[in-house]
PDB file of all heavy atoms in Angstrom:
ATOM      1  N   CYS A   1      57.071 -10.080 -19.893  1.00  0.00           N
ATOM      2  CA  CYS A   1      55.776  -9.349 -20.032  1.00  0.00           C
ATOM      3  C   CYS A   1      55.773  -8.071 -19.235  1.00  0.00           C
ATOM      4  O   CYS A   1      55.397  -7.012 -19.747  1.00  0.00           O
ATOM      5  CB  CYS A   1      54.571 -10.237 -19.679  1.00  0.00           C
ATOM      6  SG  CYS A   1      54.662 -12.013 -20.236  1.00  0.00           S
ATOM      7  N   THR A   2      56.120  -8.238 -17.933  1.00  0.00           N
ATOM      8  CA  THR A   2      56.100  -7.006 -17.050  1.00  0.00           C
ATOM      9  C   THR A   2      57.311  -6.210 -17.241  1.00  0.00           C
ATOM     10  O   THR A   2      57.163  -5.014 -17.321  1.00  0.00           O
ATOM     11  CB  THR A   2      55.990  -7.518 -15.598  1.00  0.00           C
ATOM     12  OG1 THR A   2      57.013  -8.518 -15.330  1.00  0.00           O
ATOM     13  CG2 THR A   2      54.661  -8.125 -15.272  1.00  0.00           C
ATOM     14  N   SER A   3      58.529  -6.832 -17.284  1.00  0.00           N
ATOM     15  CA  SER A   3      59.744  -5.986 -17.381  1.00  0.00           C
ATOM     16  C   SER A   3      59.829  -5.231 -18.704  1.00  0.00           C
ATOM     17  O   SER A   3      60.427  -4.193 -18.824  1.00  0.00           O
ATOM     18  CB  SER A   3      60.984  -6.897 -17.167  1.00  0.00           C
ATOM     19  OG  SER A   3      61.051  -7.863 -18.169  1.00  0.00           O
ATOM     20  N   GLY A   4      59.204  -5.840 -19.784  1.00  0.00           N
ATOM     21  CA  GLY A   4      59.233  -5.187 -21.056  1.00  0.00           C
ATOM     22  C   GLY A   4      58.011  -4.380 -21.348  1.00  0.00           C
ATOM     23  O   GLY A   4      57.824  -3.832 -22.405  1.00  0.00           O
ATOM     24  N   SER A   5      57.106  -4.217 -20.348  1.00  0.00           N
ATOM     25  CA  SER A   5      55.800  -3.493 -20.454  1.00  0.00           C
ATOM     26  C   SER A   5      55.108  -3.809 -21.809  1.00  0.00           C
ATOM     27  O   SER A   5      54.763  -2.954 -22.568  1.00  0.00           O
ATOM     28  CB  SER A   5      56.103  -1.941 -20.389  1.00  0.00           C
ATOM     29  OG  SER A   5      56.760  -1.671 -19.176  1.00  0.00           O
ATOM     30  N   CYS A   6      54.912  -5.035 -21.986  1.00  0.00           N
ATOM     31  CA  CYS A   6      54.358  -5.520 -23.303  1.00  0.00           C
ATOM     32  C   CYS A   6      52.880  -5.038 -23.397  1.00  0.00           C
ATOM     33  O   CYS A   6      52.093  -5.228 -22.488  1.00  0.00           O
ATOM     34  CB  CYS A   6      54.357  -7.045 -23.339  1.00  0.00           C
ATOM     35  SG  CYS A   6      53.615  -7.637 -24.941  1.00  0.00           S
ATOM     36  N   PRO A   7      52.496  -4.467 -24.535  1.00  0.00           N
ATOM     37  CA  PRO A   7      51.124  -3.924 -24.727  1.00  0.00           C
ATOM     38  C   PRO A   7      50.041  -5.018 -24.752  1.00  0.00           C
ATOM     39  O   PRO A   7      48.852  -4.707 -24.536  1.00  0.00           O
ATOM     40  CB  PRO A   7      51.207  -3.259 -26.037  1.00  0.00           C
ATOM     41  CG  PRO A   7      52.313  -3.893 -26.800  1.00  0.00           C
ATOM     42  CD  PRO A   7      53.319  -4.241 -25.801  1.00  0.00           C
ATOM     43  N   ASN A   8      50.457  -6.272 -24.920  1.00  0.00           N
ATOM     44  CA  ASN A   8      49.548  -7.358 -25.023  1.00  0.00           C
ATOM     45  C   ASN A   8      49.443  -8.252 -23.762  1.00  0.00           C
ATOM     46  O   ASN A   8      48.824  -9.292 -23.777  1.00  0.00           O
ATOM     47  CB  ASN A   8      49.878  -8.259 -26.230  1.00  0.00           C
ATOM     48  CG  ASN A   8      49.991  -7.471 -27.519  1.00  0.00           C
ATOM     49  OD1 ASN A   8      49.083  -6.657 -27.867  1.00  0.00           O
ATOM     50  ND2 ASN A   8      51.124  -7.652 -28.199  1.00  0.00           N
ATOM     51  N   MET A   9      50.088  -7.733 -22.721  1.00  0.00           N
ATOM     52  CA  MET A   9      50.229  -8.576 -21.453  1.00  0.00           C
ATOM     53  C   MET A   9      48.812  -9.059 -20.967  1.00  0.00           C
ATOM     54  O   MET A   9      48.621 -10.168 -20.631  1.00  0.00           O
ATOM     55  CB  MET A   9      50.847  -7.693 -20.350  1.00  0.00           C
ATOM     56  CG  MET A   9      51.093  -8.451 -19.061  1.00  0.00           C
ATOM     57  SD  MET A   9      52.307  -7.597 -18.024  1.00  0.00           S
ATOM     58  CE  MET A   9      51.696  -5.897 -17.979  1.00  0.00           C
ATOM     59  N   GLY A  10      47.845  -8.147 -20.883  1.00  0.00           N
ATOM     60  CA  GLY A  10      46.571  -8.558 -20.333  1.00  0.00           C
ATOM     61  C   GLY A  10      45.887  -9.568 -21.212  1.00  0.00           C
ATOM     62  O   GLY A  10      45.371 -10.621 -20.718  1.00  0.00           O
ATOM     63  N   GLU A  11      45.992  -9.417 -22.529  1.00  0.00           N
ATOM     64  CA  GLU A  11      45.356 -10.387 -23.439  1.00  0.00           C
ATOM     65  C   GLU A  11      46.022 -11.707 -23.387  1.00  0.00           C
ATOM     66  O   GLU A  11      45.347 -12.741 -23.301  1.00  0.00           O
ATOM     67  CB  GLU A  11      45.400  -9.847 -24.831  1.00  0.00           C
ATOM     68  CG  GLU A  11      44.777 -10.711 -25.938  1.00  0.00           C
ATOM     69  CD  GLU A  11      44.784 -10.179 -27.322  1.00  0.00           C
ATOM     70  OE1 GLU A  11      45.285  -9.074 -27.491  1.00  0.00           O
ATOM     71  OE2 GLU A  11      44.409 -10.888 -28.207  1.00  0.00           O
ATOM     72  N   CYS A  12      47.358 -11.728 -23.341  1.00  0.00           N
ATOM     73  CA  CYS A  12      48.099 -13.040 -23.390  1.00  0.00           C
ATOM     74  C   CYS A  12      47.902 -13.733 -22.006  1.00  0.00           C
ATOM     75  O   CYS A  12      47.696 -15.003 -22.021  1.00  0.00           O
ATOM     76  CB  CYS A  12      49.616 -12.754 -23.612  1.00  0.00           C
ATOM     77  SG  CYS A  12      49.972 -12.254 -25.275  1.00  0.00           S
ATOM     78  N   TRP A  13      48.000 -13.015 -20.905  1.00  0.00           N
ATOM     79  CA  TRP A  13      47.801 -13.666 -19.622  1.00  0.00           C
ATOM     80  C   TRP A  13      46.368 -14.188 -19.510  1.00  0.00           C
ATOM     81  O   TRP A  13      46.212 -15.295 -18.940  1.00  0.00           O
ATOM     82  CB  TRP A  13      48.049 -12.666 -18.495  1.00  0.00           C
ATOM     83  CG  TRP A  13      49.575 -12.376 -18.252  1.00  0.00           C
ATOM     84  CD1 TRP A  13      50.567 -12.831 -19.054  1.00  0.00           C
ATOM     85  CD2 TRP A  13      50.132 -11.735 -17.179  1.00  0.00           C
ATOM     86  NE1 TRP A  13      51.782 -12.409 -18.516  1.00  0.00           N
ATOM     87  CE2 TRP A  13      51.517 -11.698 -17.383  1.00  0.00           C
ATOM     88  CE3 TRP A  13      49.628 -11.060 -16.081  1.00  0.00           C
ATOM     89  CZ2 TRP A  13      52.413 -11.169 -16.542  1.00  0.00           C
ATOM     90  CZ3 TRP A  13      50.492 -10.456 -15.165  1.00  0.00           C
ATOM     91  CH2 TRP A  13      51.893 -10.463 -15.397  1.00  0.00           C
ATOM     92  N   GLY A  14      45.439 -13.500 -20.129  1.00  0.00           N
ATOM     93  CA  GLY A  14      44.071 -13.997 -20.025  1.00  0.00           C
ATOM     94  C   GLY A  14      43.886 -15.283 -20.810  1.00  0.00           C
ATOM     95  O   GLY A  14      43.039 -16.122 -20.534  1.00  0.00           O
ATOM     96  N   GLU A  15      44.828 -15.494 -21.751  1.00  0.00           N
ATOM     97  CA  GLU A  15      44.807 -16.786 -22.586  1.00  0.00           C
ATOM     98  C   GLU A  15      45.755 -17.817 -22.068  1.00  0.00           C
ATOM     99  O   GLU A  15      45.981 -18.896 -22.621  1.00  0.00           O
ATOM    100  CB  GLU A  15      45.119 -16.411 -24.020  1.00  0.00           C
ATOM    101  CG  GLU A  15      44.069 -15.594 -24.719  1.00  0.00           C
ATOM    102  CD  GLU A  15      44.542 -15.102 -26.094  1.00  0.00           C
ATOM    103  OE1 GLU A  15      45.756 -15.091 -26.317  1.00  0.00           O
ATOM    104  OE2 GLU A  15      43.697 -14.693 -26.848  1.00  0.00           O
ATOM    105  N   GLY A  16      46.368 -17.539 -20.903  1.00  0.00           N
ATOM    106  CA  GLY A  16      47.205 -18.453 -20.250  1.00  0.00           C
ATOM    107  C   GLY A  16      48.641 -18.565 -20.835  1.00  0.00           C
ATOM    108  O   GLY A  16      49.332 -19.585 -20.797  1.00  0.00           O
ATOM    109  N   THR A  17      49.088 -17.450 -21.471  1.00  0.00           N
ATOM    110  CA  THR A  17      50.419 -17.392 -22.081  1.00  0.00           C
ATOM    111  C   THR A  17      51.303 -16.336 -21.348  1.00  0.00           C
ATOM    112  O   THR A  17      50.817 -15.287 -21.022  1.00  0.00           O
ATOM    113  CB  THR A  17      50.353 -17.000 -23.549  1.00  0.00           C
ATOM    114  OG1 THR A  17      49.532 -18.034 -24.218  1.00  0.00           O
ATOM    115  CG2 THR A  17      51.738 -16.984 -24.182  1.00  0.00           C
ATOM    116  N   ALA A  18      52.574 -16.633 -21.119  1.00  0.00           N
ATOM    117  CA  ALA A  18      53.507 -15.678 -20.526  1.00  0.00           C
ATOM    118  C   ALA A  18      54.883 -15.953 -21.064  1.00  0.00           C
ATOM    119  O   ALA A  18      55.197 -17.116 -21.471  1.00  0.00           O
ATOM    120  CB  ALA A  18      53.448 -15.762 -19.086  1.00  0.00           C
ATOM    121  N   THR A  19      55.741 -14.932 -21.081  1.00  0.00           N
ATOM    122  CA  THR A  19      57.110 -15.075 -21.587  1.00  0.00           C
ATOM    123  C   THR A  19      58.121 -14.847 -20.455  1.00  0.00           C
ATOM    124  O   THR A  19      57.992 -13.892 -19.706  1.00  0.00           O
ATOM    125  CB  THR A  19      57.391 -14.014 -22.681  1.00  0.00           C
ATOM    126  OG1 THR A  19      56.452 -14.246 -23.738  1.00  0.00           O
ATOM    127  CG2 THR A  19      58.733 -14.154 -23.264  1.00  0.00           C
ATOM    128  N   PHE A  20      59.100 -15.705 -20.377  1.00  0.00           N
ATOM    129  CA  PHE A  20      60.141 -15.671 -19.282  1.00  0.00           C
ATOM    130  C   PHE A  20      61.497 -15.530 -19.937  1.00  0.00           C
ATOM    131  O   PHE A  20      61.809 -16.220 -20.854  1.00  0.00           O
ATOM    132  CB  PHE A  20      60.061 -16.960 -18.506  1.00  0.00           C
ATOM    133  CG  PHE A  20      58.757 -17.166 -17.769  1.00  0.00           C
ATOM    134  CD1 PHE A  20      57.700 -17.723 -18.462  1.00  0.00           C
ATOM    135  CD2 PHE A  20      58.587 -16.736 -16.495  1.00  0.00           C
ATOM    136  CE1 PHE A  20      56.495 -17.885 -17.879  1.00  0.00           C
ATOM    137  CE2 PHE A  20      57.328 -16.945 -15.836  1.00  0.00           C
ATOM    138  CZ  PHE A  20      56.270 -17.529 -16.525  1.00  0.00           C
ATOM    139  N   MET A  21      62.353 -14.669 -19.382  1.00  0.00           N
ATOM    140  CA  MET A  21      63.639 -14.468 -19.922  1.00  0.00           C
ATOM    141  C   MET A  21      64.685 -15.103 -18.987  1.00  0.00           C
ATOM    142  O   MET A  21      64.653 -14.952 -17.780  1.00  0.00           O
ATOM    143  CB  MET A  21      63.995 -12.915 -20.078  1.00  0.00           C
ATOM    144  CG  MET A  21      65.294 -12.655 -20.761  1.00  0.00           C
ATOM    145  SD  MET A  21      65.584 -11.024 -21.348  1.00  0.00           S
ATOM    146  CE  MET A  21      65.910 -10.143 -19.786  1.00  0.00           C
ATOM    147  N   ILE A  22      65.601 -15.833 -19.594  1.00  0.00           N
ATOM    148  CA  ILE A  22      66.592 -16.561 -18.821  1.00  0.00           C
ATOM    149  C   ILE A  22      68.010 -16.062 -19.080  1.00  0.00           C
ATOM    150  O   ILE A  22      68.144 -15.238 -20.029  1.00  0.00           O
ATOM    151  CB  ILE A  22      66.533 -18.111 -19.058  1.00  0.00           C
ATOM    152  CG1 ILE A  22      66.826 -18.365 -20.601  1.00  0.00           C
ATOM    153  CG2 ILE A  22      65.192 -18.736 -18.727  1.00  0.00           C
ATOM    154  CD1 ILE A  22      66.978 -19.895 -20.974  1.00  0.00           C
ATOM    155  N   LEU A  23      68.960 -16.487 -18.311  1.00  0.00           N
ATOM    156  CA  LEU A  23      70.410 -16.156 -18.509  1.00  0.00           C
ATOM    157  C   LEU A  23      70.722 -14.704 -18.198  1.00  0.00           C
ATOM    158  O   LEU A  23      71.585 -14.117 -18.829  1.00  0.00           O
ATOM    159  CB  LEU A  23      70.852 -16.513 -19.954  1.00  0.00           C
ATOM    160  CG  LEU A  23      71.020 -18.007 -20.214  1.00  0.00           C
ATOM    161  CD1 LEU A  23      71.026 -18.322 -21.631  1.00  0.00           C
ATOM    162  CD2 LEU A  23      72.262 -18.540 -19.485  1.00  0.00           C
ATOM    163  N   GLY A  24      69.906 -14.068 -17.265  1.00  0.00           N
ATOM    164  CA  GLY A  24      70.158 -12.773 -16.800  1.00  0.00           C
ATOM    165  C   GLY A  24      69.488 -11.685 -17.631  1.00  0.00           C
ATOM    166  O   GLY A  24      68.702 -11.946 -18.491  1.00  0.00           O
ATOM    167  N   ASN A  25      69.832 -10.418 -17.294  1.00  0.00           N
ATOM    168  CA  ASN A  25      69.260  -9.309 -18.009  1.00  0.00           C
ATOM    169  C   ASN A  25      70.273  -8.400 -18.547  1.00  0.00           C
ATOM    170  O   ASN A  25      69.974  -7.172 -18.838  1.00  0.00           O
ATOM    171  CB  ASN A  25      68.236  -8.507 -17.024  1.00  0.00           C
ATOM    172  CG  ASN A  25      69.031  -8.011 -15.795  1.00  0.00           C
ATOM    173  OD1 ASN A  25      70.240  -8.191 -15.708  1.00  0.00           O
ATOM    174  ND2 ASN A  25      68.296  -7.441 -14.840  1.00  0.00           N
ATOM    175  N   ILE A  26      71.470  -8.880 -18.772  1.00  0.00           N
ATOM    176  CA  ILE A  26      72.563  -8.050 -19.446  1.00  0.00           C
ATOM    177  C   ILE A  26      73.006  -8.784 -20.672  1.00  0.00           C
ATOM    178  O   ILE A  26      73.402  -9.939 -20.572  1.00  0.00           O
ATOM    179  CB  ILE A  26      73.691  -7.810 -18.476  1.00  0.00           C
ATOM    180  CG1 ILE A  26      73.291  -6.975 -17.241  1.00  0.00           C
ATOM    181  CG2 ILE A  26      74.837  -7.036 -19.206  1.00  0.00           C
ATOM    182  CD1 ILE A  26      74.319  -6.782 -16.193  1.00  0.00           C
ATOM    183  N   CYS A  27      72.979  -8.169 -21.815  1.00  0.00           N
ATOM    184  CA  CYS A  27      73.283  -8.803 -23.033  1.00  0.00           C
ATOM    185  C   CYS A  27      74.650  -8.469 -23.550  1.00  0.00           C
ATOM    186  O   CYS A  27      75.167  -7.319 -23.311  1.00  0.00           O
ATOM    187  CB  CYS A  27      72.194  -8.299 -24.139  1.00  0.00           C
ATOM    188  SG  CYS A  27      72.353  -9.191 -25.674  1.00  0.00           S
ATOM    189  N   THR A  28      75.323  -9.349 -24.230  1.00  0.00           N
ATOM    190  CA  THR A  28      76.647  -9.114 -24.780  1.00  0.00           C
ATOM    191  C   THR A  28      76.626  -8.376 -26.107  1.00  0.00           C
ATOM    192  O   THR A  28      77.667  -7.987 -26.607  1.00  0.00           O
ATOM    193  CB  THR A  28      77.395 -10.426 -24.974  1.00  0.00           C
ATOM    194  OG1 THR A  28      76.617 -11.369 -25.798  1.00  0.00           O
ATOM    195  CG2 THR A  28      77.705 -11.130 -23.640  1.00  0.00           C
ATOM    196  N   ARG A  29      75.416  -8.187 -26.635  1.00  0.00           N
ATOM    197  CA  ARG A  29      75.262  -7.456 -27.930  1.00  0.00           C
ATOM    198  C   ARG A  29      74.565  -6.060 -27.659  1.00  0.00           C
ATOM    199  O   ARG A  29      74.011  -5.872 -26.597  1.00  0.00           O
ATOM    200  CB  ARG A  29      74.507  -8.289 -28.903  1.00  0.00           C
ATOM    201  CG  ARG A  29      75.198  -9.560 -29.210  1.00  0.00           C
ATOM    202  CD  ARG A  29      74.608 -10.346 -30.430  1.00  0.00           C
ATOM    203  NE  ARG A  29      75.209 -11.611 -30.568  1.00  0.00           N
ATOM    204  CZ  ARG A  29      74.925 -12.503 -31.556  1.00  0.00           C
ATOM    205  NH1 ARG A  29      73.994 -12.127 -32.453  1.00  0.00           N
ATOM    206  NH2 ARG A  29      75.563 -13.659 -31.615  1.00  0.00           N
ATOM    207  N   SER A  30      74.752  -5.163 -28.648  1.00  0.00           N
ATOM    208  CA  SER A  30      74.180  -3.807 -28.401  1.00  0.00           C
ATOM    209  C   SER A  30      73.346  -3.407 -29.587  1.00  0.00           C
ATOM    210  O   SER A  30      73.692  -2.488 -30.326  1.00  0.00           O
ATOM    211  CB  SER A  30      75.361  -2.875 -28.266  1.00  0.00           C
ATOM    212  OG  SER A  30      76.304  -3.030 -29.296  1.00  0.00           O
ATOM    213  N   CYS A  31      72.213  -4.123 -29.767  1.00  0.00           N
ATOM    214  CA  CYS A  31      71.327  -3.816 -30.885  1.00  0.00           C
ATOM    215  C   CYS A  31      70.683  -2.416 -30.691  1.00  0.00           C
ATOM    216  O   CYS A  31      70.403  -2.074 -29.564  1.00  0.00           O
ATOM    217  CB  CYS A  31      70.238  -4.868 -30.912  1.00  0.00           C
ATOM    218  SG  CYS A  31      70.834  -6.559 -31.268  1.00  0.00           S
ATOM    219  N   GLY A  32      70.554  -1.744 -31.833  1.00  0.00           N
ATOM    220  CA  GLY A  32      70.021  -0.383 -31.757  1.00  0.00           C
ATOM    221  C   GLY A  32      68.581  -0.160 -31.393  1.00  0.00           C
ATOM    222  O   GLY A  32      68.156   0.930 -31.171  1.00  0.00           O
TER     223      GLY A  32
END
């Protein structure tokens, strides 16, 4: 939510929802 600067962060957090990324922050793929 914070690292991706999600536009809905305030709304989601207010509803008790958050997103967590696992397995690091470097991807083996290179999506455009």
